[in-house]
Amino acid sequence: MTDRAERHAALLHQRYGDQPKPDNVIWNAVVEAQLAHKSVRTFLPEPLPDGSLETMVAAAQSASTSSALQQWSVIAVTDANLKQHISKTIARTVPTDRIPWIEEAPALLLWVADLSRSAAITRERGDEPVVLEYLDAFLMGAVDTALAAQNAALAAESIGLGVVFLGVLRNAAKEVAEIIGLPDHSFFTFGMAVGRPDPSRQSASRPRLPQSVMLHHDRYDREGFRSALHGYEAAYKRFREEQGMRPKAWKDAVRESGTSLAYMSGRANLRNVIAEHGFKLR
């Protein structure tokens, strides 16, 4: 086996473990980078290299955007005191006194579904932005934001940085919006810690479900996922053991996420927060 083939085999093993793997992946540098992705929660105490944010935002702006409306914004928080304030605000919503990866990362990016520009431009031209009252408009902004952020994440990884997406910041969405001064018709969707990974505290790639669960052909297969779960549970268990995490079955994690309001840690109130920012979600 060549070095290149060994590298590809290792990437597939990191992503799927001992589960069935696709044997006809079309490899290139971009695909290799995508399969190598892992969340990074330990960072070196150094600032982002010059041009990093600009590179990430250029990549983000190159993502698809619905009707070219570009309804997202990102706030780069690099002030240590402000990052600490946000970290403590979020930590109060979970059973911990601090979230070290927010504090360690030299930059915390706050990704915003931002329809405020559209609303302002519409009003300046003498009309009311009535379409922004509908659910699809909110969804459009949220989708655009996610696409942009994923592009930014891949760009960051391509220049030697690491990232972790932070949905936990929605636990205190109202407070975060107040801290960063969000206008009406904008909504904080998630955060992203970014920095140079600490090689002495490396994380591992979390295994994913096999493609037989995720990929459907022509029609949705409602029951096909069941036969693949045994193999995934084994990969999930092995990952948790290797990372020193407490024993837990994936199906138990799924059940907890669908039944525990405590798991939401304040996100049960998101609809009210969204409505306060001008989204009627008709």
C-alpha atoms as a PDB file:
ATOM      1  CA  MET A   1       0.000   0.000   0.000  1.00  0.00           C
ATOM      2  CA  THR A   2       1.379   3.410  -0.956  1.00  0.00           C
ATOM      3  CA  ASP A   3       1.750   6.249   1.541  1.00  0.00           C
ATOM      4  CA  ARG A   4      -1.142   8.029  -0.166  1.00  0.00           C
ATOM      5  CA  ALA A   5      -3.378   4.960   0.028  1.00  0.00           C
ATOM      6  CA  GLU A   6      -2.429   4.452   3.677  1.00  0.00           C
ATOM      7  CA  ARG A   7      -3.327   8.070   4.448  1.00  0.00           C
ATOM      8  CA  HIS A   8      -6.696   7.674   2.777  1.00  0.00           C
ATOM      9  CA  ALA A   9      -7.378   4.414   4.602  1.00  0.00           C
ATOM     10  CA  ALA A  10      -6.487   6.079   7.895  1.00  0.00           C
ATOM     11  CA  LEU A  11      -8.857   8.975   7.220  1.00  0.00           C
ATOM     12  CA  LEU A  12     -11.714   6.605   6.438  1.00  0.00           C
ATOM     13  CA  HIS A  13     -10.972   4.576   9.554  1.00  0.00           C
ATOM     14  CA  GLN A  14     -11.003   7.725  11.690  1.00  0.00           C
ATOM     15  CA  ARG A  15     -14.371   8.677  10.225  1.00  0.00           C
ATOM     16  CA  TYR A  16     -16.108   5.284  10.287  1.00  0.00           C
ATOM     17  CA  GLY A  17     -14.087   3.010  12.591  1.00  0.00           C
ATOM     18  CA  ASP A  18     -14.657  -0.678  11.815  1.00  0.00           C
ATOM     19  CA  GLN A  19     -17.953   0.011  10.055  1.00  0.00           C
ATOM     20  CA  PRO A  20     -18.391  -0.422   6.274  1.00  0.00           C
ATOM     21  CA  LYS A  21     -16.563   2.319   4.371  1.00  0.00           C
ATOM     22  CA  PRO A  22     -17.003   3.665   0.852  1.00  0.00           C
ATOM     23  CA  ASP A  23     -14.330   2.184  -1.423  1.00  0.00           C
ATOM     24  CA  ASN A  24     -14.693   4.585  -4.322  1.00  0.00           C
ATOM     25  CA  VAL A  25     -14.038   8.007  -2.791  1.00  0.00           C
ATOM     26  CA  ILE A  26     -12.599  10.454  -5.329  1.00  0.00           C
ATOM     27  CA  TRP A  27      -9.647  11.817  -3.408  1.00  0.00           C
ATOM     28  CA  ASN A  28      -8.106  15.267  -3.638  1.00  0.00           C
ATOM     29  CA  ALA A  29      -6.693  17.781  -1.171  1.00  0.00           C
ATOM     30  CA  VAL A  30     -10.095  19.281  -0.386  1.00  0.00           C
ATOM     31  CA  VAL A  31     -11.716  15.915   0.316  1.00  0.00           C
ATOM     32  CA  GLU A  32      -8.751  14.885   2.481  1.00  0.00           C
ATOM     33  CA  ALA A  33      -9.140  18.075   4.524  1.00  0.00           C
ATOM     34  CA  GLN A  34     -12.864  17.519   4.926  1.00  0.00           C
ATOM     35  CA  LEU A  35     -12.463  13.940   6.136  1.00  0.00           C
ATOM     36  CA  ALA A  36      -9.724  15.026   8.553  1.00  0.00           C
ATOM     37  CA  HIS A  37     -12.034  17.511  10.310  1.00  0.00           C
ATOM     38  CA  LYS A  38     -12.330  17.260  14.077  1.00  0.00           C
ATOM     39  CA  SER A  39     -13.525  19.641  16.750  1.00  0.00           C
ATOM     40  CA  VAL A  40     -10.689  21.396  18.566  1.00  0.00           C
ATOM     41  CA  ARG A  41     -11.176  22.503  22.165  1.00  0.00           C
ATOM     42  CA  THR A  42      -7.561  23.119  23.216  1.00  0.00           C
ATOM     43  CA  PHE A  43      -5.646  26.077  21.824  1.00  0.00           C
ATOM     44  CA  LEU A  44      -2.166  27.537  22.071  1.00  0.00           C
ATOM     45  CA  PRO A  45      -1.883  30.951  23.815  1.00  0.00           C
ATOM     46  CA  GLU A  46      -1.124  32.910  20.655  1.00  0.00           C
ATOM     47  CA  PRO A  47      -3.145  35.294  18.490  1.00  0.00           C
ATOM     48  CA  LEU A  48      -4.517  34.347  15.109  1.00  0.00           C
ATOM     49  CA  PRO A  49      -2.009  34.805  12.283  1.00  0.00           C
ATOM     50  CA  ASP A  50      -2.410  38.022  10.302  1.00  0.00           C
ATOM     51  CA  GLY A  51      -5.004  37.599   7.583  1.00  0.00           C
ATOM     52  CA  SER A  52      -6.734  34.621   9.201  1.00  0.00           C
ATOM     53  CA  LEU A  53     -10.070  36.326   9.813  1.00  0.00           C
ATOM     54  CA  GLU A  54     -10.058  37.938   6.396  1.00  0.00           C
ATOM     55  CA  THR A  55      -9.325  34.567   4.780  1.00  0.00           C
ATOM     56  CA  MET A  56     -12.127  32.886   6.698  1.00  0.00           C
ATOM     57  CA  VAL A  57     -14.639  35.604   5.856  1.00  0.00           C
ATOM     58  CA  ALA A  58     -13.659  35.558   2.163  1.00  0.00           C
ATOM     59  CA  ALA A  59     -14.308  31.807   2.171  1.00  0.00           C
ATOM     60  CA  ALA A  60     -17.575  32.350   4.035  1.00  0.00           C
ATOM     61  CA  GLN A  61     -18.703  34.921   1.485  1.00  0.00           C
ATOM     62  CA  SER A  62     -17.978  32.409  -1.272  1.00  0.00           C
ATOM     63  CA  ALA A  63     -20.607  29.998   0.059  1.00  0.00           C
ATOM     64  CA  SER A  64     -23.958  29.799  -1.691  1.00  0.00           C
ATOM     65  CA  THR A  65     -26.441  32.418  -0.514  1.00  0.00           C
ATOM     66  CA  SER A  66     -30.136  32.437  -1.254  1.00  0.00           C
ATOM     67  CA  SER A  67     -31.083  34.967  -3.969  1.00  0.00           C
ATOM     68  CA  ALA A  68     -27.707  36.697  -3.380  1.00  0.00           C
ATOM     69  CA  LEU A  69     -29.270  38.429  -0.343  1.00  0.00           C
ATOM     70  CA  GLN A  70     -26.269  37.576   1.895  1.00  0.00           C
ATOM     71  CA  GLN A  71     -28.297  37.625   5.086  1.00  0.00           C
ATOM     72  CA  TRP A  72     -25.659  36.805   7.666  1.00  0.00           C
ATOM     73  CA  SER A  73     -23.001  38.565   9.723  1.00  0.00           C
ATOM     74  CA  VAL A  74     -20.174  37.399  11.971  1.00  0.00           C
ATOM     75  CA  ILE A  75     -18.804  39.170  15.048  1.00  0.00           C
ATOM     76  CA  ALA A  76     -15.163  38.375  15.825  1.00  0.00           C
ATOM     77  CA  VAL A  77     -14.650  38.654  19.579  1.00  0.00           C
ATOM     78  CA  THR A  78     -10.934  38.912  20.379  1.00  0.00           C
ATOM     79  CA  ASP A  79     -11.050  41.135  23.472  1.00  0.00           C
ATOM     80  CA  ALA A  80     -10.083  38.842  26.348  1.00  0.00           C
ATOM     81  CA  ASN A  81     -12.396  40.487  28.872  1.00  0.00           C
ATOM     82  CA  LEU A  82     -15.387  40.316  26.544  1.00  0.00           C
ATOM     83  CA  LYS A  83     -14.669  36.661  25.734  1.00  0.00           C
ATOM     84  CA  GLN A  84     -14.463  35.941  29.450  1.00  0.00           C
ATOM     85  CA  HIS A  85     -17.783  37.699  30.018  1.00  0.00           C
ATOM     86  CA  ILE A  86     -19.473  35.643  27.317  1.00  0.00           C
ATOM     87  CA  SER A  87     -17.882  32.446  28.644  1.00  0.00           C
ATOM     88  CA  LYS A  88     -19.158  33.085  32.166  1.00  0.00           C
ATOM     89  CA  THR A  89     -22.608  33.970  30.835  1.00  0.00           C
ATOM     90  CA  ILE A  90     -22.804  30.601  29.068  1.00  0.00           C
ATOM     91  CA  ALA A  91     -21.193  28.660  31.927  1.00  0.00           C
ATOM     92  CA  ARG A  92     -24.069  29.679  34.196  1.00  0.00           C
ATOM     93  CA  THR A  93     -26.433  27.671  31.960  1.00  0.00           C
ATOM     94  CA  VAL A  94     -24.536  24.382  32.340  1.00  0.00           C
ATOM     95  CA  PRO A  95     -23.062  22.538  35.344  1.00  0.00           C
ATOM     96  CA  THR A  96     -19.629  24.177  35.181  1.00  0.00           C
ATOM     97  CA  ASP A  97     -17.961  27.385  36.274  1.00  0.00           C
ATOM     98  CA  ARG A  98     -16.060  27.996  33.025  1.00  0.00           C
ATOM     99  CA  ILE A  99     -15.803  26.895  29.413  1.00  0.00           C
ATOM    100  CA  PRO A 100     -12.033  26.762  28.820  1.00  0.00           C
ATOM    101  CA  TRP A 101     -12.088  26.483  25.030  1.00  0.00           C
ATOM    102  CA  ILE A 102     -13.899  29.798  24.763  1.00  0.00           C
ATOM    103  CA  GLU A 103     -11.383  31.417  27.097  1.00  0.00           C
ATOM    104  CA  GLU A 104      -8.321  29.806  25.459  1.00  0.00           C
ATOM    105  CA  ALA A 105      -9.250  30.494  21.841  1.00  0.00           C
ATOM    106  CA  PRO A 106      -7.805  33.786  20.573  1.00  0.00           C
ATOM    107  CA  ALA A 107     -11.045  34.462  18.693  1.00  0.00           C
ATOM    108  CA  LEU A 108     -14.682  33.658  19.321  1.00  0.00           C
ATOM    109  CA  LEU A 109     -16.800  34.073  16.207  1.00  0.00           C
ATOM    110  CA  LEU A 110     -20.493  34.776  16.731  1.00  0.00           C
ATOM    111  CA  TRP A 111     -22.467  33.842  13.619  1.00  0.00           C
ATOM    112  CA  VAL A 112     -25.664  35.820  13.092  1.00  0.00           C
ATOM    113  CA  ALA A 113     -28.637  35.207  10.813  1.00  0.00           C
ATOM    114  CA  ASP A 114     -28.891  38.843   9.830  1.00  0.00           C
ATOM    115  CA  LEU A 115     -31.939  40.174   8.007  1.00  0.00           C
ATOM    116  CA  SER A 116     -31.572  43.628   9.576  1.00  0.00           C
ATOM    117  CA  ARG A 117     -29.855  45.049   6.492  1.00  0.00           C
ATOM    118  CA  SER A 118     -32.662  43.784   4.278  1.00  0.00           C
ATOM    119  CA  ALA A 119     -35.246  45.341   6.601  1.00  0.00           C
ATOM    120  CA  ALA A 120     -33.432  48.683   6.672  1.00  0.00           C
ATOM    121  CA  ILE A 121     -32.971  48.858   2.903  1.00  0.00           C
ATOM    122  CA  THR A 122     -36.621  47.948   2.296  1.00  0.00           C
ATOM    123  CA  ARG A 123     -37.838  50.685   4.650  1.00  0.00           C
ATOM    124  CA  GLU A 124     -35.452  53.240   3.164  1.00  0.00           C
ATOM    125  CA  ARG A 125     -37.086  52.530  -0.188  1.00  0.00           C
ATOM    126  CA  GLY A 126     -40.558  53.235   1.219  1.00  0.00           C
ATOM    127  CA  ASP A 127     -41.913  49.750   1.917  1.00  0.00           C
ATOM    128  CA  GLU A 128     -42.393  47.456   4.888  1.00  0.00           C
ATOM    129  CA  PRO A 129     -40.452  44.139   4.877  1.00  0.00           C
ATOM    130  CA  VAL A 130     -43.575  42.021   5.399  1.00  0.00           C
ATOM    131  CA  VAL A 131     -41.969  38.867   3.978  1.00  0.00           C
ATOM    132  CA  LEU A 132     -39.491  38.889   6.866  1.00  0.00           C
ATOM    133  CA  GLU A 133     -42.412  38.050   9.156  1.00  0.00           C
ATOM    134  CA  TYR A 134     -42.614  34.544   7.677  1.00  0.00           C
ATOM    135  CA  LEU A 135     -40.814  31.412   8.808  1.00  0.00           C
ATOM    136  CA  ASP A 136     -39.122  30.883   5.453  1.00  0.00           C
ATOM    137  CA  ALA A 137     -37.312  34.212   5.697  1.00  0.00           C
ATOM    138  CA  PHE A 138     -35.895  33.269   9.107  1.00  0.00           C
ATOM    139  CA  LEU A 139     -34.954  29.822   7.816  1.00  0.00           C
ATOM    140  CA  MET A 140     -33.280  31.361   4.770  1.00  0.00           C
ATOM    141  CA  GLY A 141     -31.038  33.488   6.969  1.00  0.00           C
ATOM    142  CA  ALA A 142     -30.205  30.576   9.264  1.00  0.00           C
ATOM    143  CA  VAL A 143     -29.281  28.329   6.323  1.00  0.00           C
ATOM    144  CA  ASP A 144     -27.113  31.034   4.743  1.00  0.00           C
ATOM    145  CA  THR A 145     -25.336  31.506   8.072  1.00  0.00           C
ATOM    146  CA  ALA A 146     -24.578  27.801   8.462  1.00  0.00           C
ATOM    147  CA  LEU A 147     -23.261  27.504   4.902  1.00  0.00           C
ATOM    148  CA  ALA A 148     -20.999  30.512   5.404  1.00  0.00           C
ATOM    149  CA  ALA A 149     -19.676  29.252   8.733  1.00  0.00           C
ATOM    150  CA  GLN A 150     -18.840  25.808   7.361  1.00  0.00           C
ATOM    151  CA  ASN A 151     -16.850  27.400   4.535  1.00  0.00           C
ATOM    152  CA  ALA A 152     -15.010  29.514   7.101  1.00  0.00           C
ATOM    153  CA  ALA A 153     -14.241  26.430   9.194  1.00  0.00           C
ATOM    154  CA  LEU A 154     -12.715  24.588   6.246  1.00  0.00           C
ATOM    155  CA  ALA A 155     -10.656  27.648   5.351  1.00  0.00           C
ATOM    156  CA  ALA A 156      -9.391  27.874   8.935  1.00  0.00           C
ATOM    157  CA  GLU A 157      -8.361  24.228   8.955  1.00  0.00           C
ATOM    158  CA  SER A 158      -6.597  24.622   5.614  1.00  0.00           C
ATOM    159  CA  ILE A 159      -4.257  27.252   7.114  1.00  0.00           C
ATOM    160  CA  GLY A 160      -3.418  25.224  10.204  1.00  0.00           C
ATOM    161  CA  LEU A 161      -6.084  26.477  12.603  1.00  0.00           C
ATOM    162  CA  GLY A 162      -8.681  24.489  14.486  1.00  0.00           C
ATOM    163  CA  VAL A 163     -12.308  25.258  15.275  1.00  0.00           C
ATOM    164  CA  VAL A 164     -15.197  24.039  17.359  1.00  0.00           C
ATOM    165  CA  PHE A 165     -18.805  25.019  16.689  1.00  0.00           C
ATOM    166  CA  LEU A 166     -20.620  26.195  19.830  1.00  0.00           C
ATOM    167  CA  GLY A 167     -24.352  25.620  19.860  1.00  0.00           C
ATOM    168  CA  VAL A 168     -24.162  25.930  23.641  1.00  0.00           C
ATOM    169  CA  LEU A 169     -24.104  29.715  23.223  1.00  0.00           C
ATOM    170  CA  ARG A 170     -27.794  29.554  22.322  1.00  0.00           C
ATOM    171  CA  ASN A 171     -28.420  28.604  25.965  1.00  0.00           C
ATOM    172  CA  ALA A 172     -28.197  32.326  26.659  1.00  0.00           C
ATOM    173  CA  ALA A 173     -29.191  33.671  23.251  1.00  0.00           C
ATOM    174  CA  LYS A 174     -30.972  36.701  24.737  1.00  0.00           C
ATOM    175  CA  GLU A 175     -27.969  37.674  26.864  1.00  0.00           C
ATOM    176  CA  VAL A 176     -25.493  37.149  24.025  1.00  0.00           C
ATOM    177  CA  ALA A 177     -27.634  39.295  21.720  1.00  0.00           C
ATOM    178  CA  GLU A 178     -27.619  42.073  24.332  1.00  0.00           C
ATOM    179  CA  ILE A 179     -23.868  41.799  24.893  1.00  0.00           C
ATOM    180  CA  ILE A 180     -23.053  42.233  21.217  1.00  0.00           C
ATOM    181  CA  GLY A 181     -25.892  44.682  20.496  1.00  0.00           C
ATOM    182  CA  LEU A 182     -27.863  42.774  17.859  1.00  0.00           C
ATOM    183  CA  PRO A 183     -30.539  44.822  16.041  1.00  0.00           C
ATOM    184  CA  ASP A 184     -34.061  43.669  15.206  1.00  0.00           C
ATOM    185  CA  HIS A 185     -34.346  41.110  12.415  1.00  0.00           C
ATOM    186  CA  SER A 186     -31.074  39.477  13.422  1.00  0.00           C
ATOM    187  CA  PHE A 187     -30.553  36.352  15.508  1.00  0.00           C
ATOM    188  CA  PHE A 188     -27.484  34.741  17.004  1.00  0.00           C
ATOM    189  CA  THR A 189     -27.298  31.161  15.676  1.00  0.00           C
ATOM    190  CA  PHE A 190     -24.086  29.638  17.069  1.00  0.00           C
ATOM    191  CA  GLY A 191     -20.533  30.426  18.014  1.00  0.00           C
ATOM    192  CA  MET A 192     -17.176  29.171  16.783  1.00  0.00           C
ATOM    193  CA  ALA A 193     -13.951  29.128  18.774  1.00  0.00           C
ATOM    194  CA  VAL A 194     -10.908  29.339  16.503  1.00  0.00           C
ATOM    195  CA  GLY A 195      -7.178  29.261  17.118  1.00  0.00           C
ATOM    196  CA  ARG A 196      -3.984  27.296  16.741  1.00  0.00           C
ATOM    197  CA  PRO A 197      -4.550  23.754  18.117  1.00  0.00           C
ATOM    198  CA  ASP A 198      -2.393  22.693  21.049  1.00  0.00           C
ATOM    199  CA  PRO A 199      -0.539  19.574  19.782  1.00  0.00           C
ATOM    200  CA  SER A 200       0.019  18.340  23.338  1.00  0.00           C
ATOM    201  CA  ARG A 201      -3.746  18.063  23.924  1.00  0.00           C
ATOM    202  CA  GLN A 202      -5.084  16.693  20.674  1.00  0.00           C
ATOM    203  CA  SER A 203      -8.631  15.487  20.159  1.00  0.00           C
ATOM    204  CA  ALA A 204      -9.745  12.668  17.869  1.00  0.00           C
ATOM    205  CA  SER A 205     -12.175  12.509  14.976  1.00  0.00           C
ATOM    206  CA  ARG A 206     -15.596  11.435  16.183  1.00  0.00           C
ATOM    207  CA  PRO A 207     -16.963   8.464  14.196  1.00  0.00           C
ATOM    208  CA  ARG A 208     -20.007   8.937  12.010  1.00  0.00           C
ATOM    209  CA  LEU A 209     -22.852   6.667  11.008  1.00  0.00           C
ATOM    210  CA  PRO A 210     -22.153   4.536   7.925  1.00  0.00           C
ATOM    211  CA  GLN A 211     -23.267   5.893   4.577  1.00  0.00           C
ATOM    212  CA  SER A 212     -25.978   3.256   4.349  1.00  0.00           C
ATOM    213  CA  VAL A 213     -27.851   5.229   7.028  1.00  0.00           C
ATOM    214  CA  MET A 214     -27.355   8.679   5.512  1.00  0.00           C
ATOM    215  CA  LEU A 215     -27.535   8.062   1.773  1.00  0.00           C
ATOM    216  CA  HIS A 216     -30.935   7.214   0.275  1.00  0.00           C
ATOM    217  CA  HIS A 217     -31.513   6.405  -3.382  1.00  0.00           C
ATOM    218  CA  ASP A 218     -34.639   7.728  -5.113  1.00  0.00           C
ATOM    219  CA  ARG A 219     -36.928   7.087  -2.129  1.00  0.00           C
ATOM    220  CA  TYR A 220     -36.548   7.546   1.623  1.00  0.00           C
ATOM    221  CA  ASP A 221     -35.779   4.258   3.398  1.00  0.00           C
ATOM    222  CA  ARG A 222     -37.541   4.467   6.766  1.00  0.00           C
ATOM    223  CA  GLU A 223     -36.218   1.270   8.328  1.00  0.00           C
ATOM    224  CA  GLY A 224     -32.836   0.724   6.691  1.00  0.00           C
ATOM    225  CA  PHE A 225     -30.895   2.494   9.436  1.00  0.00           C
ATOM    226  CA  ARG A 226     -31.711  -0.130  12.053  1.00  0.00           C
ATOM    227  CA  SER A 227     -29.397  -2.828  10.714  1.00  0.00           C
ATOM    228  CA  ALA A 228     -26.409  -0.456  10.831  1.00  0.00           C
ATOM    229  CA  LEU A 229     -26.783   0.744  14.406  1.00  0.00           C
ATOM    230  CA  HIS A 230     -25.060  -2.204  16.081  1.00  0.00           C
ATOM    231  CA  GLY A 231     -21.823  -1.467  14.246  1.00  0.00           C
ATOM    232  CA  TYR A 232     -22.095   2.229  14.965  1.00  0.00           C
ATOM    233  CA  GLU A 233     -22.692   1.636  18.662  1.00  0.00           C
ATOM    234  CA  ALA A 234     -19.417  -0.315  18.774  1.00  0.00           C
ATOM    235  CA  ALA A 235     -17.527   2.526  17.076  1.00  0.00           C
ATOM    236  CA  TYR A 236     -19.195   5.088  19.361  1.00  0.00           C
ATOM    237  CA  LYS A 237     -18.317   3.067  22.466  1.00  0.00           C
ATOM    238  CA  ARG A 238     -14.687   2.657  21.377  1.00  0.00           C
ATOM    239  CA  PHE A 239     -14.339   6.379  20.723  1.00  0.00           C
ATOM    240  CA  ARG A 240     -15.656   7.281  24.157  1.00  0.00           C
ATOM    241  CA  GLU A 241     -13.356   4.754  25.830  1.00  0.00           C
ATOM    242  CA  GLU A 242     -10.297   6.052  23.974  1.00  0.00           C
ATOM    243  CA  GLN A 243     -11.180   9.647  24.913  1.00  0.00           C
ATOM    244  CA  GLY A 244     -11.699   8.782  28.583  1.00  0.00           C
ATOM    245  CA  MET A 245     -15.390   9.640  28.424  1.00  0.00           C
ATOM    246  CA  ARG A 246     -18.020   7.966  30.584  1.00  0.00           C
ATOM    247  CA  PRO A 247     -19.763   4.931  29.055  1.00  0.00           C
ATOM    248  CA  LYS A 248     -22.842   5.865  27.066  1.00  0.00           C
ATOM    249  CA  ALA A 249     -24.757   4.336  24.168  1.00  0.00           C
ATOM    250  CA  TRP A 250     -25.483   6.501  21.137  1.00  0.00           C
ATOM    251  CA  LYS A 251     -29.157   5.553  21.202  1.00  0.00           C
ATOM    252  CA  ASP A 252     -29.318   6.733  24.812  1.00  0.00           C
ATOM    253  CA  ALA A 253     -27.802  10.055  23.730  1.00  0.00           C
ATOM    254  CA  VAL A 254     -30.438  10.336  21.007  1.00  0.00           C
ATOM    255  CA  ARG A 255     -33.233   9.566  23.474  1.00  0.00           C
ATOM    256  CA  GLU A 256     -31.924  12.096  25.980  1.00  0.00           C
ATOM    257  CA  SER A 257     -31.687  14.826  23.334  1.00  0.00           C
ATOM    258  CA  GLY A 258     -35.323  14.214  22.405  1.00  0.00           C
ATOM    259  CA  THR A 259     -36.817  13.980  25.881  1.00  0.00           C
ATOM    260  CA  SER A 260     -34.824  16.102  28.335  1.00  0.00           C
ATOM    261  CA  LEU A 261     -35.664  19.774  28.693  1.00  0.00           C
ATOM    262  CA  ALA A 262     -32.650  19.994  30.985  1.00  0.00           C
ATOM    263  CA  TYR A 263     -30.562  18.990  27.958  1.00  0.00           C
ATOM    264  CA  MET A 264     -31.783  22.164  26.245  1.00  0.00           C
ATOM    265  CA  SER A 265     -30.341  24.307  29.062  1.00  0.00           C
ATOM    266  CA  GLY A 266     -32.435  27.402  28.343  1.00  0.00           C
ATOM    267  CA  ARG A 267     -32.984  26.861  24.627  1.00  0.00           C
ATOM    268  CA  ALA A 268     -36.635  26.026  25.261  1.00  0.00           C
ATOM    269  CA  ASN A 269     -37.187  29.796  25.288  1.00  0.00           C
ATOM    270  CA  LEU A 270     -35.631  30.474  21.880  1.00  0.00           C
ATOM    271  CA  ARG A 271     -38.933  31.199  20.156  1.00  0.00           C
ATOM    272  CA  ASN A 272     -39.596  34.080  22.532  1.00  0.00           C
ATOM    273  CA  VAL A 273     -36.088  35.449  21.997  1.00  0.00           C
ATOM    274  CA  ILE A 274     -36.524  35.247  18.230  1.00  0.00           C
ATOM    275  CA  ALA A 275     -39.897  37.000  18.425  1.00  0.00           C
ATOM    276  CA  GLU A 276     -38.377  39.792  20.510  1.00  0.00           C
ATOM    277  CA  HIS A 277     -35.994  40.447  17.624  1.00  0.00           C
ATOM    278  CA  GLY A 278     -38.795  41.043  15.148  1.00  0.00           C
ATOM    279  CA  PHE A 279     -39.338  37.572  13.698  1.00  0.00           C
ATOM    280  CA  LYS A 280     -43.045  36.675  13.775  1.00  0.00           C
ATOM    281  CA  LEU A 281     -42.478  33.252  12.144  1.00  0.00           C
ATOM    282  CA  ARG A 282     -45.850  33.209  10.450  1.00  0.00           C
END
